[in-house]
């Protein structure tokens, strides 16, 4: 599939190639990226960059969880202050 996507005719979109194979466009894009990295077409992130990305993703996940807690707390407190309840 990667070879077909790379050698497609001009004007043929990745979306169409993916649809022909019954997969999503994002899946095909990921496969192309992996194949490029395997072929040396693009450099793979260094170990320190991988660690930094992993740390940033962990931090992002923590911040998203904190935001979710704050959203629930705000909703609860706003209902508690309604008159007549």
PDB file of N, CA and C in Angstrom:
ATOM      1  N   UNK A   1       0.812  -1.186   0.000  1.00  0.00           N
ATOM      2  CA  UNK A   1       0.000   0.000   0.000  1.00  0.00           C
ATOM      3  C   UNK A   1       0.861   1.257   0.000  1.00  0.00           C
ATOM      4  N   UNK A   2       1.957   1.221   0.739  1.00  0.00           N
ATOM      5  CA  UNK A   2       2.842   2.387   0.791  1.00  0.00           C
ATOM      6  C   UNK A   2       3.417   2.646  -0.591  1.00  0.00           C
ATOM      7  N   UNK A   3       3.818   1.596  -1.264  1.00  0.00           N
ATOM      8  CA  UNK A   3       4.380   1.755  -2.611  1.00  0.00           C
ATOM      9  C   UNK A   3       3.339   2.327  -3.566  1.00  0.00           C
ATOM     10  N   UNK A   4       2.115   1.849  -3.478  1.00  0.00           N
ATOM     11  CA  UNK A   4       1.042   2.365  -4.337  1.00  0.00           C
ATOM     12  C   UNK A   4       0.812   3.845  -4.047  1.00  0.00           C
ATOM     13  N   UNK A   5       0.803   4.208  -2.772  1.00  0.00           N
ATOM     14  CA  UNK A   5       0.581   5.609  -2.399  1.00  0.00           C
ATOM     15  C   UNK A   5       1.714   6.497  -2.893  1.00  0.00           C
ATOM     16  N   UNK A   6       2.938   6.004  -2.796  1.00  0.00           N
ATOM     17  CA  UNK A   6       4.085   6.797  -3.259  1.00  0.00           C
ATOM     18  C   UNK A   6       4.092   6.956  -4.776  1.00  0.00           C
ATOM     19  N   UNK A   7       3.655   5.923  -5.483  1.00  0.00           N
ATOM     20  CA  UNK A   7       3.719   5.940  -6.953  1.00  0.00           C
ATOM     21  C   UNK A   7       2.391   6.295  -7.605  1.00  0.00           C
ATOM     22  N   UNK A   8       1.498   6.923  -6.879  1.00  0.00           N
ATOM     23  CA  UNK A   8       0.186   7.262  -7.441  1.00  0.00           C
ATOM     24  C   UNK A   8       0.331   8.310  -8.540  1.00  0.00           C
ATOM     25  N   UNK A   9      -0.662   8.338  -9.400  1.00  0.00           N
ATOM     26  CA  UNK A   9      -0.685   9.298 -10.507  1.00  0.00           C
ATOM     27  C   UNK A   9      -0.834  10.717  -9.968  1.00  0.00           C
ATOM     28  N   UNK A  10      -0.296  11.695 -10.686  1.00  0.00           N
ATOM     29  CA  UNK A  10      -0.499  13.087 -10.267  1.00  0.00           C
ATOM     30  C   UNK A  10      -1.994  13.411 -10.221  1.00  0.00           C
ATOM     31  N   UNK A  11      -2.397  14.090  -9.186  1.00  0.00           N
ATOM     32  CA  UNK A  11      -3.800  14.456  -9.030  1.00  0.00           C
ATOM     33  C   UNK A  11      -4.613  13.467  -8.217  1.00  0.00           C
ATOM     34  N   UNK A  12      -4.079  12.278  -7.973  1.00  0.00           N
ATOM     35  CA  UNK A  12      -4.780  11.289  -7.152  1.00  0.00           C
ATOM     36  C   UNK A  12      -4.436  11.574  -5.693  1.00  0.00           C
ATOM     37  N   UNK A  13      -5.443  11.783  -4.887  1.00  0.00           N
ATOM     38  CA  UNK A  13      -5.243  12.134  -3.489  1.00  0.00           C
ATOM     39  C   UNK A  13      -4.999  10.898  -2.630  1.00  0.00           C
ATOM     40  N   UNK A  14      -4.287  11.100  -1.525  1.00  0.00           N
ATOM     41  CA  UNK A  14      -4.076  10.007  -0.576  1.00  0.00           C
ATOM     42  C   UNK A  14      -5.405   9.468  -0.065  1.00  0.00           C
ATOM     43  N   UNK A  15      -6.367  10.357   0.065  1.00  0.00           N
ATOM     44  CA  UNK A  15      -7.696   9.958   0.538  1.00  0.00           C
ATOM     45  C   UNK A  15      -8.292   8.889  -0.378  1.00  0.00           C
ATOM     46  N   UNK A  16      -8.125   9.057  -1.685  1.00  0.00           N
ATOM     47  CA  UNK A  16      -8.664   8.098  -2.643  1.00  0.00           C
ATOM     48  C   UNK A  16      -7.917   6.769  -2.573  1.00  0.00           C
ATOM     49  N   UNK A  17      -6.588   6.834  -2.448  1.00  0.00           N
ATOM     50  CA  UNK A  17      -5.798   5.604  -2.335  1.00  0.00           C
ATOM     51  C   UNK A  17      -6.219   4.841  -1.080  1.00  0.00           C
ATOM     52  N   UNK A  18      -6.367   5.564   0.028  1.00  0.00           N
ATOM     53  CA  UNK A  18      -6.784   4.925   1.278  1.00  0.00           C
ATOM     54  C   UNK A  18      -8.165   4.299   1.135  1.00  0.00           C
ATOM     55  N   UNK A  19      -9.087   5.010   0.497  1.00  0.00           N
ATOM     56  CA  UNK A  19     -10.442   4.483   0.305  1.00  0.00           C
ATOM     57  C   UNK A  19     -10.419   3.224  -0.555  1.00  0.00           C
ATOM     58  N   UNK A  20      -9.566   3.202  -1.567  1.00  0.00           N
ATOM     59  CA  UNK A  20      -9.458   2.021  -2.430  1.00  0.00           C
ATOM     60  C   UNK A  20      -9.026   0.783  -1.642  1.00  0.00           C
ATOM     61  N   UNK A  21      -8.195   0.988  -0.625  1.00  0.00           N
ATOM     62  CA  UNK A  21      -7.726  -0.131   0.188  1.00  0.00           C
ATOM     63  C   UNK A  21      -8.598  -0.372   1.417  1.00  0.00           C
ATOM     64  N   UNK A  22      -9.593   0.489   1.629  1.00  0.00           N
ATOM     65  CA  UNK A  22     -10.496   0.312   2.757  1.00  0.00           C
ATOM     66  C   UNK A  22      -9.895   0.712   4.096  1.00  0.00           C
ATOM     67  N   UNK A  23      -8.964   1.666   4.074  1.00  0.00           N
ATOM     68  CA  UNK A  23      -8.366   2.158   5.310  1.00  0.00           C
ATOM     69  C   UNK A  23      -8.567   3.664   5.389  1.00  0.00           C
ATOM     70  N   UNK A  24      -8.302   4.235   6.555  1.00  0.00           N
ATOM     71  CA  UNK A  24      -8.458   5.683   6.699  1.00  0.00           C
ATOM     72  C   UNK A  24      -7.234   6.406   6.138  1.00  0.00           C
ATOM     73  N   UNK A  25      -7.451   7.655   5.780  1.00  0.00           N
ATOM     74  CA  UNK A  25      -6.353   8.466   5.251  1.00  0.00           C
ATOM     75  C   UNK A  25      -5.267   8.657   6.307  1.00  0.00           C
ATOM     76  N   UNK A  26      -5.673   8.831   7.558  1.00  0.00           N
ATOM     77  CA  UNK A  26      -4.684   9.032   8.621  1.00  0.00           C
ATOM     78  C   UNK A  26      -3.830   7.784   8.826  1.00  0.00           C
ATOM     79  N   UNK A  27      -4.429   6.626   8.678  1.00  0.00           N
ATOM     80  CA  UNK A  27      -3.681   5.374   8.794  1.00  0.00           C
ATOM     81  C   UNK A  27      -2.619   5.296   7.699  1.00  0.00           C
ATOM     82  N   UNK A  28      -3.010   5.602   6.479  1.00  0.00           N
ATOM     83  CA  UNK A  28      -2.068   5.574   5.363  1.00  0.00           C
ATOM     84  C   UNK A  28      -0.969   6.611   5.562  1.00  0.00           C
ATOM     85  N   UNK A  29      -1.328   7.787   6.054  1.00  0.00           N
ATOM     86  CA  UNK A  29      -0.335   8.830   6.313  1.00  0.00           C
ATOM     87  C   UNK A  29       0.670   8.365   7.358  1.00  0.00           C
ATOM     88  N   UNK A  30       0.182   7.700   8.404  1.00  0.00           N
ATOM     89  CA  UNK A  30       1.086   7.174   9.434  1.00  0.00           C
ATOM     90  C   UNK A  30       2.021   6.125   8.851  1.00  0.00           C
ATOM     91  N   UNK A  31       1.500   5.257   8.002  1.00  0.00           N
ATOM     92  CA  UNK A  31       2.337   4.243   7.374  1.00  0.00           C
ATOM     93  C   UNK A  31       3.394   4.878   6.483  1.00  0.00           C
ATOM     94  N   UNK A  32       3.012   5.909   5.754  1.00  0.00           N
ATOM     95  CA  UNK A  32       3.978   6.603   4.899  1.00  0.00           C
ATOM     96  C   UNK A  32       5.073   7.251   5.741  1.00  0.00           C
ATOM     97  N   UNK A  33       4.698   7.847   6.858  1.00  0.00           N
ATOM     98  CA  UNK A  33       5.685   8.472   7.743  1.00  0.00           C
ATOM     99  C   UNK A  33       6.642   7.433   8.304  1.00  0.00           C
ATOM    100  N   UNK A  34       6.103   6.298   8.722  1.00  0.00           N
ATOM    101  CA  UNK A  34       6.947   5.227   9.250  1.00  0.00           C
ATOM    102  C   UNK A  34       7.880   4.686   8.182  1.00  0.00           C
ATOM    103  N   UNK A  35       7.356   4.517   6.980  1.00  0.00           N
ATOM    104  CA  UNK A  35       8.179   4.018   5.882  1.00  0.00           C
ATOM    105  C   UNK A  35       9.283   5.010   5.542  1.00  0.00           C
ATOM    106  N   UNK A  36       8.972   6.300   5.565  1.00  0.00           N
ATOM    107  CA  UNK A  36       9.990   7.316   5.308  1.00  0.00           C
ATOM    108  C   UNK A  36      11.091   7.256   6.359  1.00  0.00           C
ATOM    109  N   UNK A  37      10.717   7.083   7.614  1.00  0.00           N
ATOM    110  CA  UNK A  37      11.707   6.992   8.688  1.00  0.00           C
ATOM    111  C   UNK A  37      12.555   5.738   8.518  1.00  0.00           C
ATOM    112  N   UNK A  38      11.913   4.613   8.157  1.00  0.00           N
ATOM    113  CA  UNK A  38      12.647   3.367   7.960  1.00  0.00           C
ATOM    114  C   UNK A  38      13.613   3.461   6.787  1.00  0.00           C
ATOM    115  N   UNK A  39      13.211   4.193   5.756  1.00  0.00           N
ATOM    116  CA  UNK A  39      14.043   4.332   4.564  1.00  0.00           C
ATOM    117  C   UNK A  39      15.102   5.416   4.714  1.00  0.00           C
ATOM    118  N   UNK A  40      15.088   6.125   5.823  1.00  0.00           N
ATOM    119  CA  UNK A  40      16.035   7.214   6.008  1.00  0.00           C
ATOM    120  C   UNK A  40      15.603   8.479   5.307  1.00  0.00           C
ATOM    121  N   UNK A  41      14.341   8.541   4.906  1.00  0.00           N
ATOM    122  CA  UNK A  41      13.832   9.705   4.200  1.00  0.00           C
ATOM    123  C   UNK A  41      13.706  10.927   5.080  1.00  0.00           C
ATOM    124  N   UNK A  42      13.511  10.707   6.343  1.00  0.00           N
ATOM    125  CA  UNK A  42      13.473  11.828   7.283  1.00  0.00           C
ATOM    126  C   UNK A  42      14.121  11.351   8.574  1.00  0.00           C
ATOM    127  N   UNK A  43      14.804  12.233   9.260  1.00  0.00           N
ATOM    128  CA  UNK A  43      15.486  11.812  10.486  1.00  0.00           C
ATOM    129  C   UNK A  43      14.493  11.502  11.597  1.00  0.00           C
ATOM    130  N   UNK A  44      14.816  10.514  12.361  1.00  0.00           N
ATOM    131  CA  UNK A  44      14.005  10.156  13.518  1.00  0.00           C
ATOM    132  C   UNK A  44      14.511  10.972  14.697  1.00  0.00           C
ATOM    133  N   UNK A  45      13.619  11.398  15.555  1.00  0.00           N
ATOM    134  CA  UNK A  45      13.993  12.237  16.690  1.00  0.00           C
ATOM    135  C   UNK A  45      15.037  11.544  17.555  1.00  0.00           C
ATOM    136  N   UNK A  46      15.972  12.321  18.054  1.00  0.00           N
ATOM    137  CA  UNK A  46      17.022  11.797  18.921  1.00  0.00           C
ATOM    138  C   UNK A  46      16.424  11.361  20.250  1.00  0.00           C
ATOM    139  N   UNK A  47      17.187  10.602  21.016  1.00  0.00           N
ATOM    140  CA  UNK A  47      16.704  10.085  22.289  1.00  0.00           C
ATOM    141  C   UNK A  47      16.255  11.165  23.245  1.00  0.00           C
ATOM    142  N   UNK A  48      17.016  12.259  23.326  1.00  0.00           N
ATOM    143  CA  UNK A  48      16.633  13.335  24.242  1.00  0.00           C
ATOM    144  C   UNK A  48      15.349  14.008  23.777  1.00  0.00           C
ATOM    145  N   UNK A  49      15.161  14.111  22.465  1.00  0.00           N
ATOM    146  CA  UNK A  49      13.927  14.689  21.936  1.00  0.00           C
ATOM    147  C   UNK A  49      12.748  13.775  22.223  1.00  0.00           C
ATOM    148  N   UNK A  50      12.966  12.468  22.104  1.00  0.00           N
ATOM    149  CA  UNK A  50      11.896  11.517  22.427  1.00  0.00           C
ATOM    150  C   UNK A  50      11.497  11.638  23.889  1.00  0.00           C
ATOM    151  N   UNK A  51      12.482  11.769  24.766  1.00  0.00           N
ATOM    152  CA  UNK A  51      12.196  11.909  26.194  1.00  0.00           C
ATOM    153  C   UNK A  51      11.436  13.203  26.457  1.00  0.00           C
ATOM    154  N   UNK A  52      11.835  14.268  25.778  1.00  0.00           N
ATOM    155  CA  UNK A  52      11.151  15.547  25.968  1.00  0.00           C
ATOM    156  C   UNK A  52       9.704  15.466  25.493  1.00  0.00           C
ATOM    157  N   UNK A  53       9.488  14.838  24.345  1.00  0.00           N
ATOM    158  CA  UNK A  53       8.131  14.682  23.821  1.00  0.00           C
ATOM    159  C   UNK A  53       7.292  13.854  24.786  1.00  0.00           C
ATOM    160  N   UNK A  54       7.872  12.783  25.305  1.00  0.00           N
ATOM    161  CA  UNK A  54       7.161  11.929  26.258  1.00  0.00           C
ATOM    162  C   UNK A  54       6.791  12.727  27.513  1.00  0.00           C
ATOM    163  N   UNK A  55       7.737  13.533  28.024  1.00  0.00           N
ATOM    164  CA  UNK A  55       7.457  14.355  29.205  1.00  0.00           C
ATOM    165  C   UNK A  55       6.374  15.391  28.922  1.00  0.00           C
ATOM    166  N   UNK A  56       6.428  16.004  27.749  1.00  0.00           N
ATOM    167  CA  UNK A  56       5.419  17.004  27.395  1.00  0.00           C
ATOM    168  C   UNK A  56       4.038  16.379  27.250  1.00  0.00           C
ATOM    169  N   UNK A  57       3.978  15.178  26.685  1.00  0.00           N
ATOM    170  CA  UNK A  57       2.692  14.486  26.565  1.00  0.00           C
ATOM    171  C   UNK A  57       2.140  14.134  27.941  1.00  0.00           C
ATOM    172  N   UNK A  58       3.015  13.705  28.848  1.00  0.00           N
ATOM    173  CA  UNK A  58       2.584  13.386  30.209  1.00  0.00           C
ATOM    174  C   UNK A  58       2.053  14.645  30.898  1.00  0.00           C
ATOM    175  N   UNK A  59       2.769  15.751  30.736  1.00  0.00           N
ATOM    176  CA  UNK A  59       2.344  17.024  31.341  1.00  0.00           C
ATOM    177  C   UNK A  59       1.000  17.475  30.762  1.00  0.00           C
ATOM    178  N   UNK A  60       0.849  17.330  29.448  1.00  0.00           N
ATOM    179  CA  UNK A  60      -0.398  17.701  28.783  1.00  0.00           C
ATOM    180  C   UNK A  60      -1.563  16.865  29.310  1.00  0.00           C
ATOM    181  N   UNK A  61      -1.340  15.578  29.474  1.00  0.00           N
ATOM    182  CA  UNK A  61      -2.385  14.686  29.991  1.00  0.00           C
ATOM    183  C   UNK A  61      -2.787  15.105  31.411  1.00  0.00           C
ATOM    184  N   UNK A  62      -1.795  15.449  32.244  1.00  0.00           N
ATOM    185  CA  UNK A  62      -2.074  15.894  33.603  1.00  0.00           C
ATOM    186  C   UNK A  62      -2.886  17.186  33.600  1.00  0.00           C
ATOM    187  N   UNK A  63      -2.512  18.136  32.755  1.00  0.00           N
ATOM    188  CA  UNK A  63      -3.243  19.402  32.678  1.00  0.00           C
ATOM    189  C   UNK A  63      -4.674  19.195  32.191  1.00  0.00           C
ATOM    190  N   UNK A  64      -4.870  18.273  31.248  1.00  0.00           N
ATOM    191  CA  UNK A  64      -6.222  17.977  30.773  1.00  0.00           C
ATOM    192  C   UNK A  64      -7.071  17.380  31.897  1.00  0.00           C
ATOM    193  N   UNK A  65      -6.472  16.512  32.707  1.00  0.00           N
ATOM    194  CA  UNK A  65      -7.201  15.933  33.838  1.00  0.00           C
ATOM    195  C   UNK A  65      -7.567  17.008  34.855  1.00  0.00           C
ATOM    196  N   UNK A  66      -6.623  17.916  35.111  1.00  0.00           N
ATOM    197  CA  UNK A  66      -6.902  19.005  36.053  1.00  0.00           C
ATOM    198  C   UNK A  66      -8.029  19.894  35.532  1.00  0.00           C
ATOM    199  N   UNK A  67      -8.024  20.187  34.247  1.00  0.00           N
ATOM    200  CA  UNK A  67      -9.099  20.991  33.656  1.00  0.00           C
ATOM    201  C   UNK A  67     -10.445  20.294  33.786  1.00  0.00           C
ATOM    202  N   UNK A  68     -10.465  18.996  33.598  1.00  0.00           N
ATOM    203  CA  UNK A  68     -11.710  18.236  33.715  1.00  0.00           C
ATOM    204  C   UNK A  68     -12.257  18.316  35.143  1.00  0.00           C
ATOM    205  N   UNK A  69     -11.384  18.189  36.123  1.00  0.00           N
ATOM    206  CA  UNK A  69     -11.801  18.298  37.522  1.00  0.00           C
ATOM    207  C   UNK A  69     -12.372  19.682  37.784  1.00  0.00           C
ATOM    208  N   UNK A  70     -11.697  20.715  37.289  1.00  0.00           N
ATOM    209  CA  UNK A  70     -12.176  22.086  37.494  1.00  0.00           C
ATOM    210  C   UNK A  70     -13.523  22.320  36.812  1.00  0.00           C
ATOM    211  N   UNK A  71     -13.720  21.745  35.628  1.00  0.00           N
ATOM    212  CA  UNK A  71     -15.011  21.877  34.939  1.00  0.00           C
ATOM    213  C   UNK A  71     -16.127  21.260  35.767  1.00  0.00           C
ATOM    214  N   UNK A  72     -15.887  20.066  36.299  1.00  0.00           N
ATOM    215  CA  UNK A  72     -16.898  19.396  37.121  1.00  0.00           C
ATOM    216  C   UNK A  72     -17.171  20.188  38.393  1.00  0.00           C
ATOM    217  N   UNK A  73     -16.127  20.713  39.009  1.00  0.00           N
ATOM    218  CA  UNK A  73     -16.304  21.496  40.235  1.00  0.00           C
ATOM    219  C   UNK A  73     -17.101  22.764  39.952  1.00  0.00           C
ATOM    220  N   UNK A  74     -16.803  23.436  38.857  1.00  0.00           N
ATOM    221  CA  UNK A  74     -17.531  24.659  38.504  1.00  0.00           C
ATOM    222  C   UNK A  74     -19.000  24.351  38.241  1.00  0.00           C
ATOM    223  N   UNK A  75     -19.278  23.246  37.563  1.00  0.00           N
ATOM    224  CA  UNK A  75     -20.663  22.866  37.287  1.00  0.00           C
ATOM    225  C   UNK A  75     -21.396  22.549  38.589  1.00  0.00           C
ATOM    226  N   UNK A  76     -20.745  21.836  39.482  1.00  0.00           N
ATOM    227  CA  UNK A  76     -21.360  21.494  40.771  1.00  0.00           C
ATOM    228  C   UNK A  76     -21.647  22.745  41.586  1.00  0.00           C
ATOM    229  N   UNK A  77     -20.669  23.637  41.667  1.00  0.00           N
ATOM    230  CA  UNK A  77     -20.842  24.850  42.463  1.00  0.00           C
ATOM    231  C   UNK A  77     -21.880  25.781  41.857  1.00  0.00           C
ATOM    232  N   UNK A  78     -21.972  25.826  40.551  1.00  0.00           N
ATOM    233  CA  UNK A  78     -22.974  26.697  39.930  1.00  0.00           C
ATOM    234  C   UNK A  78     -24.386  26.177  40.196  1.00  0.00           C
ATOM    235  N   UNK A  79     -24.569  24.874  40.281  1.00  0.00           N
ATOM    236  CA  UNK A  79     -25.883  24.304  40.597  1.00  0.00           C
ATOM    237  C   UNK A  79     -26.231  24.511  42.061  1.00  0.00           C
ATOM    238  N   UNK A  80     -25.240  24.519  42.929  1.00  0.00           N
ATOM    239  CA  UNK A  80     -25.478  24.686  44.363  1.00  0.00           C
ATOM    240  C   UNK A  80     -25.935  26.100  44.688  1.00  0.00           C
ATOM    241  N   UNK A  81     -25.588  27.070  43.863  1.00  0.00           N
ATOM    242  CA  UNK A  81     -25.922  28.466  44.131  1.00  0.00           C
ATOM    243  C   UNK A  81     -27.200  28.928  43.443  1.00  0.00           C
ATOM    244  N   UNK A  82     -27.924  28.025  42.814  1.00  0.00           N
ATOM    245  CA  UNK A  82     -29.161  28.411  42.148  1.00  0.00           C
ATOM    246  C   UNK A  82     -30.247  28.667  43.186  1.00  0.00           C
ATOM    247  N   UNK A  83     -31.003  29.754  43.036  1.00  0.00           N
ATOM    248  CA  UNK A  83     -32.088  30.012  43.994  1.00  0.00           C
ATOM    249  C   UNK A  83     -33.222  29.001  43.811  1.00  0.00           C
ATOM    250  N   UNK A  84     -33.843  28.623  44.900  1.00  0.00           N
ATOM    251  CA  UNK A  84     -34.999  27.737  44.843  1.00  0.00           C
ATOM    252  C   UNK A  84     -34.641  26.268  44.857  1.00  0.00           C
ATOM    253  N   UNK A  85     -33.425  25.910  44.971  1.00  0.00           N
ATOM    254  CA  UNK A  85     -33.050  24.493  45.017  1.00  0.00           C
ATOM    255  C   UNK A  85     -32.461  24.118  46.334  1.00  0.00           C
TER     256      UNK A  85
END
